[in-house]
mmCIF file of all heavy atoms, coordinates in Angstrom:
data_MODEL
# 
_entry.id   MODEL 
# 
loop_
_atom_site.group_PDB 
_atom_site.id 
_atom_site.type_symbol 
_atom_site.label_atom_id 
_atom_site.label_alt_id 
_atom_site.label_comp_id 
_atom_site.label_asym_id 
_atom_site.label_entity_id 
_atom_site.label_seq_id 
_atom_site.pdbx_PDB_ins_code 
_atom_site.Cartn_x 
_atom_site.Cartn_y 
_atom_site.Cartn_z 
_atom_site.occupancy 
_atom_site.B_iso_or_equiv 
_atom_site.pdbx_formal_charge 
_atom_site.auth_seq_id 
_atom_site.auth_comp_id 
_atom_site.auth_asym_id 
_atom_site.auth_atom_id 
_atom_site.pdbx_PDB_model_num 
ATOM 1   N N   . LEU A 1 1  ? 16.093 54.385 -47.038 1.00 0.00 ? 1  LEU A N   1 
ATOM 2   C CA  . LEU A 1 1  ? 16.277 52.946 -46.412 1.00 0.00 ? 1  LEU A CA  1 
ATOM 3   C C   . LEU A 1 1  ? 15.760 53.045 -44.954 1.00 0.00 ? 1  LEU A C   1 
ATOM 4   O O   . LEU A 1 1  ? 15.252 51.956 -44.417 1.00 0.00 ? 1  LEU A O   1 
ATOM 5   C CB  . LEU A 1 1  ? 17.737 52.631 -46.489 1.00 0.00 ? 1  LEU A CB  1 
ATOM 6   C CG  . LEU A 1 1  ? 18.222 52.394 -47.852 1.00 0.00 ? 1  LEU A CG  1 
ATOM 7   C CD1 . LEU A 1 1  ? 19.659 51.830 -47.786 1.00 0.00 ? 1  LEU A CD1 1 
ATOM 8   C CD2 . LEU A 1 1  ? 17.445 51.495 -48.704 1.00 0.00 ? 1  LEU A CD2 1 
ATOM 9   N N   . ARG A 1 2  ? 15.890 54.072 -44.209 1.00 0.00 ? 2  ARG A N   1 
ATOM 10  C CA  . ARG A 1 2  ? 15.277 54.158 -42.829 1.00 0.00 ? 2  ARG A CA  1 
ATOM 11  C C   . ARG A 1 2  ? 13.731 53.908 -42.859 1.00 0.00 ? 2  ARG A C   1 
ATOM 12  O O   . ARG A 1 2  ? 13.228 53.218 -42.068 1.00 0.00 ? 2  ARG A O   1 
ATOM 13  C CB  . ARG A 1 2  ? 15.600 55.483 -42.184 1.00 0.00 ? 2  ARG A CB  1 
ATOM 14  C CG  . ARG A 1 2  ? 17.042 55.649 -41.692 1.00 0.00 ? 2  ARG A CG  1 
ATOM 15  C CD  . ARG A 1 2  ? 17.184 56.714 -40.778 1.00 0.00 ? 2  ARG A CD  1 
ATOM 16  N NE  . ARG A 1 2  ? 16.687 58.104 -41.209 1.00 0.00 ? 2  ARG A NE  1 
ATOM 17  C CZ  . ARG A 1 2  ? 17.491 58.953 -41.866 1.00 0.00 ? 2  ARG A CZ  1 
ATOM 18  N NH1 . ARG A 1 2  ? 18.753 58.510 -42.176 1.00 0.00 ? 2  ARG A NH1 1 
ATOM 19  N NH2 . ARG A 1 2  ? 17.007 60.088 -42.225 1.00 0.00 ? 2  ARG A NH2 1 
ATOM 20  N N   . LEU A 1 3  ? 12.981 54.451 -43.748 1.00 0.00 ? 3  LEU A N   1 
ATOM 21  C CA  . LEU A 1 3  ? 11.600 54.217 -43.948 1.00 0.00 ? 3  LEU A CA  1 
ATOM 22  C C   . LEU A 1 3  ? 11.325 52.744 -44.436 1.00 0.00 ? 3  LEU A C   1 
ATOM 23  O O   . LEU A 1 3  ? 10.329 52.171 -43.969 1.00 0.00 ? 3  LEU A O   1 
ATOM 24  C CB  . LEU A 1 3  ? 11.023 55.142 -44.996 1.00 0.00 ? 3  LEU A CB  1 
ATOM 25  C CG  . LEU A 1 3  ? 10.889 56.788 -44.536 1.00 0.00 ? 3  LEU A CG  1 
ATOM 26  C CD1 . LEU A 1 3  ? 10.547 57.506 -45.639 1.00 0.00 ? 3  LEU A CD1 1 
ATOM 27  C CD2 . LEU A 1 3  ? 9.754  56.666 -43.441 1.00 0.00 ? 3  LEU A CD2 1 
ATOM 28  N N   . ALA A 1 4  ? 12.172 52.278 -45.309 1.00 0.00 ? 4  ALA A N   1 
ATOM 29  C CA  . ALA A 1 4  ? 11.982 50.851 -45.887 1.00 0.00 ? 4  ALA A CA  1 
ATOM 30  C C   . ALA A 1 4  ? 12.311 49.855 -44.809 1.00 0.00 ? 4  ALA A C   1 
ATOM 31  O O   . ALA A 1 4  ? 11.651 48.773 -44.905 1.00 0.00 ? 4  ALA A O   1 
ATOM 32  C CB  . ALA A 1 4  ? 12.881 50.595 -47.097 1.00 0.00 ? 4  ALA A CB  1 
ATOM 33  N N   . ILE A 1 5  ? 13.208 50.178 -43.825 1.00 0.00 ? 5  ILE A N   1 
ATOM 34  C CA  . ILE A 1 5  ? 13.625 49.165 -42.825 1.00 0.00 ? 5  ILE A CA  1 
ATOM 35  C C   . ILE A 1 5  ? 13.443 49.735 -41.451 1.00 0.00 ? 5  ILE A C   1 
ATOM 36  O O   . ILE A 1 5  ? 14.499 50.078 -40.818 1.00 0.00 ? 5  ILE A O   1 
ATOM 37  C CB  . ILE A 1 5  ? 15.163 48.763 -43.094 1.00 0.00 ? 5  ILE A CB  1 
ATOM 38  C CG1 . ILE A 1 5  ? 15.395 48.508 -44.645 1.00 0.00 ? 5  ILE A CG1 1 
ATOM 39  C CG2 . ILE A 1 5  ? 15.457 47.578 -42.275 1.00 0.00 ? 5  ILE A CG2 1 
ATOM 40  C CD1 . ILE A 1 5  ? 16.781 48.254 -44.945 1.00 0.00 ? 5  ILE A CD1 1 
ATOM 41  N N   . PRO A 1 6  ? 12.190 49.892 -40.983 1.00 0.00 ? 6  PRO A N   1 
ATOM 42  C CA  . PRO A 1 6  ? 11.956 50.665 -39.625 1.00 0.00 ? 6  PRO A CA  1 
ATOM 43  C C   . PRO A 1 6  ? 12.444 49.672 -38.532 1.00 0.00 ? 6  PRO A C   1 
ATOM 44  O O   . PRO A 1 6  ? 12.880 50.045 -37.527 1.00 0.00 ? 6  PRO A O   1 
ATOM 45  C CB  . PRO A 1 6  ? 10.487 50.825 -39.632 1.00 0.00 ? 6  PRO A CB  1 
ATOM 46  C CG  . PRO A 1 6  ? 9.971  49.889 -40.594 1.00 0.00 ? 6  PRO A CG  1 
ATOM 47  C CD  . PRO A 1 6  ? 10.865 49.842 -41.702 1.00 0.00 ? 6  PRO A CD  1 
ATOM 48  N N   . THR A 1 7  ? 12.370 48.390 -38.722 1.00 0.00 ? 7  THR A N   1 
ATOM 49  C CA  . THR A 1 7  ? 13.038 47.302 -37.887 1.00 0.00 ? 7  THR A CA  1 
ATOM 50  C C   . THR A 1 7  ? 13.854 46.279 -38.832 1.00 0.00 ? 7  THR A C   1 
ATOM 51  O O   . THR A 1 7  ? 13.334 46.127 -39.948 1.00 0.00 ? 7  THR A O   1 
ATOM 52  C CB  . THR A 1 7  ? 11.911 46.593 -37.098 1.00 0.00 ? 7  THR A CB  1 
ATOM 53  O OG1 . THR A 1 7  ? 10.948 46.059 -38.066 1.00 0.00 ? 7  THR A OG1 1 
ATOM 54  C CG2 . THR A 1 7  ? 11.152 47.576 -36.125 1.00 0.00 ? 7  THR A CG2 1 
ATOM 55  N N   . PRO A 1 8  ? 14.773 45.726 -38.354 1.00 0.00 ? 8  PRO A N   1 
ATOM 56  C CA  . PRO A 1 8  ? 15.707 44.977 -39.133 1.00 0.00 ? 8  PRO A CA  1 
ATOM 57  C C   . PRO A 1 8  ? 15.351 43.599 -39.650 1.00 0.00 ? 8  PRO A C   1 
ATOM 58  O O   . PRO A 1 8  ? 15.905 43.081 -40.493 1.00 0.00 ? 8  PRO A O   1 
ATOM 59  C CB  . PRO A 1 8  ? 17.079 45.046 -38.421 1.00 0.00 ? 8  PRO A CB  1 
ATOM 60  C CG  . PRO A 1 8  ? 16.661 44.913 -37.039 1.00 0.00 ? 8  PRO A CG  1 
ATOM 61  C CD  . PRO A 1 8  ? 15.338 45.896 -36.917 1.00 0.00 ? 8  PRO A CD  1 
ATOM 62  N N   . GLU A 1 9  ? 14.245 42.961 -39.009 1.00 0.00 ? 9  GLU A N   1 
ATOM 63  C CA  . GLU A 1 9  ? 14.170 41.476 -39.055 1.00 0.00 ? 9  GLU A CA  1 
ATOM 64  C C   . GLU A 1 9  ? 13.892 41.102 -40.566 1.00 0.00 ? 9  GLU A C   1 
ATOM 65  O O   . GLU A 1 9  ? 14.315 39.994 -40.861 1.00 0.00 ? 9  GLU A O   1 
ATOM 66  C CB  . GLU A 1 9  ? 13.164 41.020 -38.132 1.00 0.00 ? 9  GLU A CB  1 
ATOM 67  C CG  . GLU A 1 9  ? 11.685 41.412 -38.375 1.00 0.00 ? 9  GLU A CG  1 
ATOM 68  C CD  . GLU A 1 9  ? 11.309 42.817 -38.097 1.00 0.00 ? 9  GLU A CD  1 
ATOM 69  O OE1 . GLU A 1 9  ? 12.055 43.457 -37.378 1.00 0.00 ? 9  GLU A OE1 1 
ATOM 70  O OE2 . GLU A 1 9  ? 10.158 43.181 -38.386 1.00 0.00 ? 9  GLU A OE2 1 
ATOM 71  N N   . HIS A 1 10 ? 13.155 41.807 -41.407 1.00 0.00 ? 10 HIS A N   1 
ATOM 72  C CA  . HIS A 1 10 ? 12.897 41.555 -42.676 1.00 0.00 ? 10 HIS A CA  1 
ATOM 73  C C   . HIS A 1 10 ? 14.098 41.651 -43.608 1.00 0.00 ? 10 HIS A C   1 
ATOM 74  O O   . HIS A 1 10 ? 14.041 41.019 -44.786 1.00 0.00 ? 10 HIS A O   1 
ATOM 75  C CB  . HIS A 1 10 ? 11.534 42.056 -43.187 1.00 0.00 ? 10 HIS A CB  1 
ATOM 76  C CG  . HIS A 1 10 ? 10.320 41.513 -42.751 1.00 0.00 ? 10 HIS A CG  1 
ATOM 77  N ND1 . HIS A 1 10 ? 9.880  41.509 -41.522 1.00 0.00 ? 10 HIS A ND1 1 
ATOM 78  C CD2 . HIS A 1 10 ? 9.543  40.570 -43.565 1.00 0.00 ? 10 HIS A CD2 1 
ATOM 79  C CE1 . HIS A 1 10 ? 8.693  40.836 -41.500 1.00 0.00 ? 10 HIS A CE1 1 
ATOM 80  N NE2 . HIS A 1 10 ? 8.547  40.171 -42.609 1.00 0.00 ? 10 HIS A NE2 1 
ATOM 81  N N   . PHE A 1 11 ? 14.939 42.558 -43.202 1.00 0.00 ? 11 PHE A N   1 
ATOM 82  C CA  . PHE A 1 11 ? 16.102 42.834 -44.024 1.00 0.00 ? 11 PHE A CA  1 
ATOM 83  C C   . PHE A 1 11 ? 17.226 41.971 -43.788 1.00 0.00 ? 11 PHE A C   1 
ATOM 84  O O   . PHE A 1 11 ? 18.007 41.637 -44.717 1.00 0.00 ? 11 PHE A O   1 
ATOM 85  C CB  . PHE A 1 11 ? 16.428 44.266 -43.623 1.00 0.00 ? 11 PHE A CB  1 
ATOM 86  C CG  . PHE A 1 11 ? 17.782 44.823 -44.395 1.00 0.00 ? 11 PHE A CG  1 
ATOM 87  C CD1 . PHE A 1 11 ? 17.740 45.117 -45.737 1.00 0.00 ? 11 PHE A CD1 1 
ATOM 88  C CD2 . PHE A 1 11 ? 18.926 44.982 -43.673 1.00 0.00 ? 11 PHE A CD2 1 
ATOM 89  C CE1 . PHE A 1 11 ? 18.902 45.608 -46.371 1.00 0.00 ? 11 PHE A CE1 1 
ATOM 90  C CE2 . PHE A 1 11 ? 20.037 45.476 -44.361 1.00 0.00 ? 11 PHE A CE2 1 
ATOM 91  C CZ  . PHE A 1 11 ? 20.047 45.708 -45.637 1.00 0.00 ? 11 PHE A CZ  1 
ATOM 92  N N   . LEU A 1 12 ? 17.453 41.449 -42.516 1.00 0.00 ? 12 LEU A N   1 
ATOM 93  C CA  . LEU A 1 12 ? 18.749 40.623 -42.161 1.00 0.00 ? 12 LEU A CA  1 
ATOM 94  C C   . LEU A 1 12 ? 18.762 39.378 -43.050 1.00 0.00 ? 12 LEU A C   1 
ATOM 95  O O   . LEU A 1 12 ? 19.847 38.983 -43.322 1.00 0.00 ? 12 LEU A O   1 
ATOM 96  C CB  . LEU A 1 12 ? 18.633 40.351 -40.701 1.00 0.00 ? 12 LEU A CB  1 
ATOM 97  C CG  . LEU A 1 12 ? 18.907 41.616 -39.849 1.00 0.00 ? 12 LEU A CG  1 
ATOM 98  C CD1 . LEU A 1 12 ? 18.663 41.283 -38.320 1.00 0.00 ? 12 LEU A CD1 1 
ATOM 99  C CD2 . LEU A 1 12 ? 20.240 42.126 -40.048 1.00 0.00 ? 12 LEU A CD2 1 
ATOM 100 N N   . PRO A 1 13 ? 17.582 38.709 -43.259 1.00 0.00 ? 13 PRO A N   1 
ATOM 101 C CA  . PRO A 1 13 ? 17.746 37.410 -44.138 1.00 0.00 ? 13 PRO A CA  1 
ATOM 102 C C   . PRO A 1 13 ? 18.445 37.701 -45.413 1.00 0.00 ? 13 PRO A C   1 
ATOM 103 O O   . PRO A 1 13 ? 19.264 36.750 -45.879 1.00 0.00 ? 13 PRO A O   1 
ATOM 104 C CB  . PRO A 1 13 ? 16.375 36.900 -44.223 1.00 0.00 ? 13 PRO A CB  1 
ATOM 105 C CG  . PRO A 1 13 ? 15.683 37.398 -42.996 1.00 0.00 ? 13 PRO A CG  1 
ATOM 106 C CD  . PRO A 1 13 ? 16.277 38.782 -42.780 1.00 0.00 ? 13 PRO A CD  1 
ATOM 107 N N   . LEU A 1 14 ? 18.316 38.825 -46.100 1.00 0.00 ? 14 LEU A N   1 
ATOM 108 C CA  . LEU A 1 14 ? 18.959 39.144 -47.258 1.00 0.00 ? 14 LEU A CA  1 
ATOM 109 C C   . LEU A 1 14 ? 20.487 39.042 -47.023 1.00 0.00 ? 14 LEU A C   1 
ATOM 110 O O   . LEU A 1 14 ? 21.205 38.629 -47.961 1.00 0.00 ? 14 LEU A O   1 
ATOM 111 C CB  . LEU A 1 14 ? 18.698 40.503 -47.679 1.00 0.00 ? 14 LEU A CB  1 
ATOM 112 C CG  . LEU A 1 14 ? 19.423 41.128 -48.873 1.00 0.00 ? 14 LEU A CG  1 
ATOM 113 C CD1 . LEU A 1 14 ? 19.181 40.345 -50.159 1.00 0.00 ? 14 LEU A CD1 1 
ATOM 114 C CD2 . LEU A 1 14 ? 19.134 42.617 -49.082 1.00 0.00 ? 14 LEU A CD2 1 
ATOM 115 N N   . LEU A 1 15 ? 21.051 39.528 -45.872 1.00 0.00 ? 15 LEU A N   1 
ATOM 116 C CA  . LEU A 1 15 ? 22.466 39.520 -45.590 1.00 0.00 ? 15 LEU A CA  1 
ATOM 117 C C   . LEU A 1 15 ? 23.024 38.062 -45.490 1.00 0.00 ? 15 LEU A C   1 
ATOM 118 O O   . LEU A 1 15 ? 24.228 37.762 -45.855 1.00 0.00 ? 15 LEU A O   1 
ATOM 119 C CB  . LEU A 1 15 ? 22.779 40.331 -44.460 1.00 0.00 ? 15 LEU A CB  1 
ATOM 120 C CG  . LEU A 1 15 ? 22.412 41.891 -44.301 1.00 0.00 ? 15 LEU A CG  1 
ATOM 121 C CD1 . LEU A 1 15 ? 22.705 42.514 -43.086 1.00 0.00 ? 15 LEU A CD1 1 
ATOM 122 C CD2 . LEU A 1 15 ? 22.964 42.552 -45.623 1.00 0.00 ? 15 LEU A CD2 1 
ATOM 123 N N   . TYR A 1 16 ? 22.153 37.257 -44.942 1.00 0.00 ? 16 TYR A N   1 
ATOM 124 C CA  . TYR A 1 16 ? 22.575 35.723 -44.908 1.00 0.00 ? 16 TYR A CA  1 
ATOM 125 C C   . TYR A 1 16 ? 22.825 35.218 -46.349 1.00 0.00 ? 16 TYR A C   1 
ATOM 126 O O   . TYR A 1 16 ? 23.766 34.426 -46.467 1.00 0.00 ? 16 TYR A O   1 
ATOM 127 C CB  . TYR A 1 16 ? 21.465 35.094 -44.100 1.00 0.00 ? 16 TYR A CB  1 
ATOM 128 C CG  . TYR A 1 16 ? 21.850 35.085 -42.450 1.00 0.00 ? 16 TYR A CG  1 
ATOM 129 C CD1 . TYR A 1 16 ? 21.313 36.254 -41.841 1.00 0.00 ? 16 TYR A CD1 1 
ATOM 130 C CD2 . TYR A 1 16 ? 22.418 34.145 -41.862 1.00 0.00 ? 16 TYR A CD2 1 
ATOM 131 C CE1 . TYR A 1 16 ? 21.472 36.414 -40.467 1.00 0.00 ? 16 TYR A CE1 1 
ATOM 132 C CE2 . TYR A 1 16 ? 22.589 34.214 -40.477 1.00 0.00 ? 16 TYR A CE2 1 
ATOM 133 C CZ  . TYR A 1 16 ? 22.180 35.379 -39.878 1.00 0.00 ? 16 TYR A CZ  1 
ATOM 134 O OH  . TYR A 1 16 ? 22.383 35.532 -38.488 1.00 0.00 ? 16 TYR A OH  1 
ATOM 135 N N   . SER A 1 17 ? 21.929 35.598 -47.161 1.00 0.00 ? 17 SER A N   1 
ATOM 136 C CA  . SER A 1 17 ? 22.050 35.072 -48.567 1.00 0.00 ? 17 SER A CA  1 
ATOM 137 C C   . SER A 1 17 ? 23.138 35.688 -49.289 1.00 0.00 ? 17 SER A C   1 
ATOM 138 O O   . SER A 1 17 ? 24.013 34.948 -49.878 1.00 0.00 ? 17 SER A O   1 
ATOM 139 C CB  . SER A 1 17 ? 20.826 35.290 -49.386 1.00 0.00 ? 17 SER A CB  1 
ATOM 140 O OG  . SER A 1 17 ? 19.691 34.611 -48.653 1.00 0.00 ? 17 SER A OG  1 
ATOM 141 N N   . LEU A 1 18 ? 23.499 37.034 -49.162 1.00 0.00 ? 18 LEU A N   1 
ATOM 142 C CA  . LEU A 1 18 ? 24.603 37.613 -49.883 1.00 0.00 ? 18 LEU A CA  1 
ATOM 143 C C   . LEU A 1 18 ? 25.848 37.284 -49.363 1.00 0.00 ? 18 LEU A C   1 
ATOM 144 O O   . LEU A 1 18 ? 26.843 37.256 -50.085 1.00 0.00 ? 18 LEU A O   1 
ATOM 145 C CB  . LEU A 1 18 ? 24.265 39.191 -49.788 1.00 0.00 ? 18 LEU A CB  1 
ATOM 146 C CG  . LEU A 1 18 ? 23.056 39.732 -50.458 1.00 0.00 ? 18 LEU A CG  1 
ATOM 147 C CD1 . LEU A 1 18 ? 23.067 41.252 -50.160 1.00 0.00 ? 18 LEU A CD1 1 
ATOM 148 C CD2 . LEU A 1 18 ? 23.086 39.392 -51.860 1.00 0.00 ? 18 LEU A CD2 1 
ATOM 149 N N   . ALA A 1 19 ? 25.984 36.947 -48.056 1.00 0.00 ? 19 ALA A N   1 
ATOM 150 C CA  . ALA A 1 19 ? 27.158 36.586 -47.428 1.00 0.00 ? 19 ALA A CA  1 
ATOM 151 C C   . ALA A 1 19 ? 27.813 35.307 -48.074 1.00 0.00 ? 19 ALA A C   1 
ATOM 152 O O   . ALA A 1 19 ? 29.042 35.174 -48.002 1.00 0.00 ? 19 ALA A O   1 
ATOM 153 C CB  . ALA A 1 19 ? 26.999 36.390 -45.872 1.00 0.00 ? 19 ALA A CB  1 
ATOM 154 N N   . ILE A 1 20 ? 27.014 34.500 -48.651 1.00 0.00 ? 20 ILE A N   1 
ATOM 155 C CA  . ILE A 1 20 ? 27.505 33.281 -49.225 1.00 0.00 ? 20 ILE A CA  1 
ATOM 156 C C   . ILE A 1 20 ? 27.817 33.349 -50.687 1.00 0.00 ? 20 ILE A C   1 
ATOM 157 O O   . ILE A 1 20 ? 28.152 32.323 -51.276 1.00 0.00 ? 20 ILE A O   1 
ATOM 158 C CB  . ILE A 1 20 ? 26.508 32.140 -48.937 1.00 0.00 ? 20 ILE A CB  1 
ATOM 159 C CG1 . ILE A 1 20 ? 26.051 32.182 -47.328 1.00 0.00 ? 20 ILE A CG1 1 
ATOM 160 C CG2 . ILE A 1 20 ? 26.980 30.745 -49.140 1.00 0.00 ? 20 ILE A CG2 1 
ATOM 161 C CD1 . ILE A 1 20 ? 24.886 31.316 -46.989 1.00 0.00 ? 20 ILE A CD1 1 
ATOM 162 N N   . TYR A 1 21 ? 27.617 34.533 -51.179 1.00 0.00 ? 21 TYR A N   1 
ATOM 163 C CA  . TYR A 1 21 ? 28.048 34.794 -52.550 1.00 0.00 ? 21 TYR A CA  1 
ATOM 164 C C   . TYR A 1 21 ? 29.435 34.527 -52.853 1.00 0.00 ? 21 TYR A C   1 
ATOM 165 O O   . TYR A 1 21 ? 30.354 35.022 -52.035 1.00 0.00 ? 21 TYR A O   1 
ATOM 166 C CB  . TYR A 1 21 ? 27.633 36.199 -52.906 1.00 0.00 ? 21 TYR A CB  1 
ATOM 167 C CG  . TYR A 1 21 ? 28.198 36.709 -54.146 1.00 0.00 ? 21 TYR A CG  1 
ATOM 168 C CD1 . TYR A 1 21 ? 27.679 36.310 -55.450 1.00 0.00 ? 21 TYR A CD1 1 
ATOM 169 C CD2 . TYR A 1 21 ? 29.253 37.584 -54.226 1.00 0.00 ? 21 TYR A CD2 1 
ATOM 170 C CE1 . TYR A 1 21 ? 28.261 36.759 -56.797 1.00 0.00 ? 21 TYR A CE1 1 
ATOM 171 C CE2 . TYR A 1 21 ? 29.688 38.161 -55.446 1.00 0.00 ? 21 TYR A CE2 1 
ATOM 172 C CZ  . TYR A 1 21 ? 29.220 37.707 -56.539 1.00 0.00 ? 21 TYR A CZ  1 
ATOM 173 O OH  . TYR A 1 21 ? 29.746 38.250 -57.815 1.00 0.00 ? 21 TYR A OH  1 
ATOM 174 N N   . ASP A 1 22 ? 29.823 33.870 -53.859 1.00 0.00 ? 22 ASP A N   1 
ATOM 175 C CA  . ASP A 1 22 ? 31.176 33.640 -54.302 1.00 0.00 ? 22 ASP A CA  1 
ATOM 176 C C   . ASP A 1 22 ? 31.479 34.496 -55.451 1.00 0.00 ? 22 ASP A C   1 
ATOM 177 O O   . ASP A 1 22 ? 31.039 34.404 -56.629 1.00 0.00 ? 22 ASP A O   1 
ATOM 178 C CB  . ASP A 1 22 ? 31.320 32.052 -54.734 1.00 0.00 ? 22 ASP A CB  1 
ATOM 179 C CG  . ASP A 1 22 ? 32.679 31.725 -55.118 1.00 0.00 ? 22 ASP A CG  1 
ATOM 180 O OD1 . ASP A 1 22 ? 33.593 32.632 -55.296 1.00 0.00 ? 22 ASP A OD1 1 
ATOM 181 O OD2 . ASP A 1 22 ? 33.000 30.501 -55.132 1.00 0.00 ? 22 ASP A OD2 1 
ATOM 182 N N   . SER A 1 23 ? 32.349 35.577 -55.120 1.00 0.00 ? 23 SER A N   1 
ATOM 183 C CA  . SER A 1 23 ? 32.680 36.532 -56.184 1.00 0.00 ? 23 SER A CA  1 
ATOM 184 C C   . SER A 1 23 ? 33.414 35.911 -57.337 1.00 0.00 ? 23 SER A C   1 
ATOM 185 O O   . SER A 1 23 ? 33.390 36.600 -58.419 1.00 0.00 ? 23 SER A O   1 
ATOM 186 C CB  . SER A 1 23 ? 33.612 37.565 -55.515 1.00 0.00 ? 23 SER A CB  1 
ATOM 187 O OG  . SER A 1 23 ? 34.648 37.166 -54.935 1.00 0.00 ? 23 SER A OG  1 
ATOM 188 N N   . LYS A 1 24 ? 33.984 34.754 -57.171 1.00 0.00 ? 24 LYS A N   1 
ATOM 189 C CA  . LYS A 1 24 ? 34.822 34.269 -58.272 1.00 0.00 ? 24 LYS A CA  1 
ATOM 190 C C   . LYS A 1 24 ? 33.975 33.437 -59.358 1.00 0.00 ? 24 LYS A C   1 
ATOM 191 O O   . LYS A 1 24 ? 34.431 33.266 -60.515 1.00 0.00 ? 24 LYS A O   1 
ATOM 192 C CB  . LYS A 1 24 ? 35.971 33.275 -57.722 1.00 0.00 ? 24 LYS A CB  1 
ATOM 193 C CG  . LYS A 1 24 ? 36.949 33.991 -56.816 1.00 0.00 ? 24 LYS A CG  1 
ATOM 194 C CD  . LYS A 1 24 ? 37.997 32.955 -56.311 1.00 0.00 ? 24 LYS A CD  1 
ATOM 195 C CE  . LYS A 1 24 ? 39.035 33.735 -55.508 1.00 0.00 ? 24 LYS A CE  1 
ATOM 196 N NZ  . LYS A 1 24 ? 39.941 32.772 -54.819 1.00 0.00 ? 24 LYS A NZ  1 
ATOM 197 N N   . SER A 1 25 ? 32.811 32.949 -58.854 1.00 0.00 ? 25 SER A N   1 
ATOM 198 C CA  . SER A 1 25 ? 32.044 32.069 -59.826 1.00 0.00 ? 25 SER A CA  1 
ATOM 199 C C   . SER A 1 25 ? 30.625 32.336 -59.845 1.00 0.00 ? 25 SER A C   1 
ATOM 200 O O   . SER A 1 25 ? 29.995 31.838 -60.747 1.00 0.00 ? 25 SER A O   1 
ATOM 201 C CB  . SER A 1 25 ? 32.413 30.596 -59.428 1.00 0.00 ? 25 SER A CB  1 
ATOM 202 O OG  . SER A 1 25 ? 32.045 30.379 -58.133 1.00 0.00 ? 25 SER A OG  1 
ATOM 203 N N   . ASP A 1 26 ? 30.067 33.029 -58.912 1.00 0.00 ? 26 ASP A N   1 
ATOM 204 C CA  . ASP A 1 26 ? 28.625 33.177 -58.909 1.00 0.00 ? 26 ASP A CA  1 
ATOM 205 C C   . ASP A 1 26 ? 28.048 34.326 -59.724 1.00 0.00 ? 26 ASP A C   1 
ATOM 206 O O   . ASP A 1 26 ? 28.749 35.391 -59.915 1.00 0.00 ? 26 ASP A O   1 
ATOM 207 C CB  . ASP A 1 26 ? 28.154 33.380 -57.400 1.00 0.00 ? 26 ASP A CB  1 
ATOM 208 C CG  . ASP A 1 26 ? 28.080 32.116 -56.592 1.00 0.00 ? 26 ASP A CG  1 
ATOM 209 O OD1 . ASP A 1 26 ? 28.107 30.932 -57.136 1.00 0.00 ? 26 ASP A OD1 1 
ATOM 210 O OD2 . ASP A 1 26 ? 28.129 32.252 -55.326 1.00 0.00 ? 26 ASP A OD2 1 
ATOM 211 N N   . HIS A 1 27 ? 26.748 34.058 -60.167 1.00 0.00 ? 27 HIS A N   1 
ATOM 212 C CA  . HIS A 1 27 ? 25.975 35.152 -60.887 1.00 0.00 ? 27 HIS A CA  1 
ATOM 213 C C   . HIS A 1 27 ? 24.804 35.466 -59.950 1.00 0.00 ? 27 HIS A C   1 
ATOM 214 O O   . HIS A 1 27 ? 24.208 34.622 -59.243 1.00 0.00 ? 27 HIS A O   1 
ATOM 215 C CB  . HIS A 1 27 ? 25.509 34.547 -62.142 1.00 0.00 ? 27 HIS A CB  1 
ATOM 216 C CG  . HIS A 1 27 ? 24.621 35.559 -62.857 1.00 0.00 ? 27 HIS A CG  1 
ATOM 217 N ND1 . HIS A 1 27 ? 25.075 36.622 -63.477 1.00 0.00 ? 27 HIS A ND1 1 
ATOM 218 C CD2 . HIS A 1 27 ? 23.228 35.356 -63.133 1.00 0.00 ? 27 HIS A CD2 1 
ATOM 219 C CE1 . HIS A 1 27 ? 24.011 37.396 -63.985 1.00 0.00 ? 27 HIS A CE1 1 
ATOM 220 N NE2 . HIS A 1 27 ? 22.859 36.579 -63.819 1.00 0.00 ? 27 HIS A NE2 1 
ATOM 221 N N   . ILE A 1 28 ? 24.484 36.785 -59.970 1.00 0.00 ? 28 ILE A N   1 
ATOM 222 C CA  . ILE A 1 28 ? 23.349 37.244 -59.112 1.00 0.00 ? 28 ILE A CA  1 
ATOM 223 C C   . ILE A 1 28 ? 22.205 37.676 -60.042 1.00 0.00 ? 28 ILE A C   1 
ATOM 224 O O   . ILE A 1 28 ? 22.541 38.445 -61.025 1.00 0.00 ? 28 ILE A O   1 
ATOM 225 C CB  . ILE A 1 28 ? 23.654 38.313 -58.133 1.00 0.00 ? 28 ILE A CB  1 
ATOM 226 C CG1 . ILE A 1 28 ? 24.779 37.841 -57.085 1.00 0.00 ? 28 ILE A CG1 1 
ATOM 227 C CG2 . ILE A 1 28 ? 22.494 38.791 -57.474 1.00 0.00 ? 28 ILE A CG2 1 
ATOM 228 C CD1 . ILE A 1 28 ? 25.085 38.825 -56.167 1.00 0.00 ? 28 ILE A CD1 1 
# 
């Protein structure tokens, strides 16, 4: 993952999407 994410800017938008996941009703 250190090689995959040498700088965080392309990775961080993923966290914004996952943060809004609803564990009670959502499917991924």
